[in-house]
Amino acid sequence: MIPPLCGQAALNRNGSRRTCVLDADHPDDHEDLNGWTWQPPATVLERLRTVWGSTHRIAWTGSLWVAVHRDPAAPWRTHVEPTPDQLESRLRQHDTVRPAEPRPHP
């Protein structure tokens, strides 16, 4: 019997859909047929909220990453990107107030 596939999907920088081909119960990062890997959305969401949560509300729609500035008067209030890396890049580019980066544990 062939085990069921994970099927979790993510978009790459070009907006192309990638689908995980690992077994449904795999414990680590997702991987597509070309070997491209990505972290589970819950892991990424937690990291983004830790870094940007003081200035933005961060959400994962199931296909896109969204950040909405908590200040309604912010000049760049909403950012929507296909990847978390692009979202963070956009936040760094447009926002003048930078959140404190998490410090490594000693």
Protein backbone atom coordinates (compact mmCIF):
# COMPACT_ATOMS: atom_id res chain seq x y z
CA MET A 1 0.00 0.00 0.00
CA ILE A 2 1.27 3.47 -0.89
CA PRO A 3 1.18 5.91 2.04
CA PRO A 4 -0.82 9.11 1.49
CA LEU A 5 1.11 12.22 0.50
CA CYS A 6 1.28 15.35 2.60
CA GLY A 7 -0.10 17.65 -0.12
CA GLN A 8 0.71 20.90 1.78
CA ALA A 9 1.24 23.66 -0.77
CA ALA A 10 3.25 26.89 -0.84
CA LEU A 11 4.08 29.52 -3.43
CA ASN A 12 7.62 30.27 -4.57
CA ARG A 13 8.95 33.79 -5.27
CA ASN A 14 7.36 33.71 -8.74
CA GLY A 15 3.95 32.71 -7.38
CA SER A 16 4.18 29.15 -8.71
CA ARG A 17 2.54 26.54 -6.53
CA ARG A 18 4.73 23.88 -4.91
CA THR A 19 3.18 20.79 -3.34
CA CYS A 20 4.79 18.58 -0.70
CA VAL A 21 5.37 15.03 -1.93
CA LEU A 22 6.53 13.56 1.38
CA ASP A 23 4.44 11.11 3.40
CA ALA A 24 1.49 12.69 5.18
CA ASP A 25 3.01 12.13 8.61
CA HIS A 26 6.50 13.55 7.93
CA PRO A 27 7.87 15.47 10.94
CA ASP A 28 10.09 18.11 9.32
CA ASP A 29 10.03 20.70 6.54
CA HIS A 30 7.92 20.17 3.43
CA GLU A 31 9.57 19.26 0.11
CA ASP A 32 8.40 19.30 -3.51
CA LEU A 33 9.47 17.09 -6.45
CA ASN A 34 12.41 19.40 -7.25
CA GLY A 35 13.81 19.25 -3.72
CA TRP A 36 12.65 22.76 -2.77
CA THR A 37 11.91 22.79 0.96
CA TRP A 38 9.89 25.10 3.20
CA GLN A 39 8.92 25.27 6.84
CA PRO A 40 5.39 24.51 7.98
CA PRO A 41 3.25 27.68 7.92
CA ALA A 42 2.59 27.50 11.68
CA THR A 43 6.34 27.64 12.36
CA VAL A 44 6.83 30.60 10.04
CA LEU A 45 3.77 32.41 11.40
CA GLU A 46 5.06 32.10 14.96
CA ARG A 47 8.47 33.50 13.93
CA LEU A 48 6.95 36.41 11.99
CA ARG A 49 4.65 37.29 14.88
CA THR A 50 7.59 37.20 17.30
CA VAL A 51 9.61 39.60 15.16
CA TRP A 52 6.87 41.87 13.72
CA GLY A 53 3.93 41.39 16.09
CA SER A 54 4.54 44.60 18.02
CA THR A 55 4.01 46.71 14.88
CA HIS A 56 1.91 44.47 12.60
CA ARG A 57 -0.82 41.86 12.63
CA ILE A 58 0.53 38.90 10.65
CA ALA A 59 -1.66 36.27 8.95
CA TRP A 60 -1.36 33.28 6.62
CA THR A 61 -4.35 32.94 4.27
CA GLY A 62 -3.47 29.46 3.10
CA SER A 63 -1.67 30.79 0.03
CA LEU A 64 -0.51 34.34 0.82
CA TRP A 65 1.26 36.07 3.73
CA VAL A 66 -0.33 39.28 5.02
CA ALA A 67 0.94 42.01 7.37
CA VAL A 68 -1.28 44.90 8.46
CA HIS A 69 0.31 47.75 10.38
CA ARG A 70 -1.26 48.39 13.77
CA ASP A 71 -1.06 52.15 13.21
CA PRO A 72 -3.93 53.21 10.90
CA ALA A 73 -1.92 56.29 9.85
CA ALA A 74 1.10 54.26 8.66
CA PRO A 75 1.99 55.13 5.03
CA TRP A 76 2.40 51.45 4.07
CA ARG A 77 -0.35 49.79 6.05
CA THR A 78 -0.94 46.47 4.26
CA HIS A 79 1.54 44.07 2.69
CA VAL A 80 0.51 40.89 0.85
CA GLU A 81 3.19 38.56 -0.53
CA PRO A 82 3.40 34.94 -1.75
CA THR A 83 6.35 34.04 0.50
CA PRO A 84 7.32 34.95 4.07
CA ASP A 85 10.77 36.09 2.85
CA GLN A 86 9.17 38.56 0.45
CA LEU A 87 6.85 39.79 3.19
CA GLU A 88 9.75 40.48 5.54
CA SER A 89 11.70 42.17 2.78
CA ARG A 90 8.73 44.45 2.06
CA LEU A 91 8.29 45.24 5.74
CA ARG A 92 11.95 46.20 6.09
CA GLN A 93 11.76 48.31 2.92
CA HIS A 94 8.63 50.31 3.81
CA ASP A 95 8.56 50.61 7.56
CA THR A 96 10.71 53.17 9.33
CA VAL A 97 10.27 51.61 12.76
CA ARG A 98 12.11 48.31 12.93
CA PRO A 99 11.13 45.75 15.55
CA ALA A 100 13.87 44.40 17.77
CA GLU A 101 15.35 41.24 16.33
CA PRO A 102 15.07 38.28 18.71
CA ARG A 103 18.35 37.72 20.51
CA PRO A 104 19.99 34.29 20.37
CA HIS A 105 19.81 32.39 23.61
CA PRO A 106 23.16 32.29 25.46
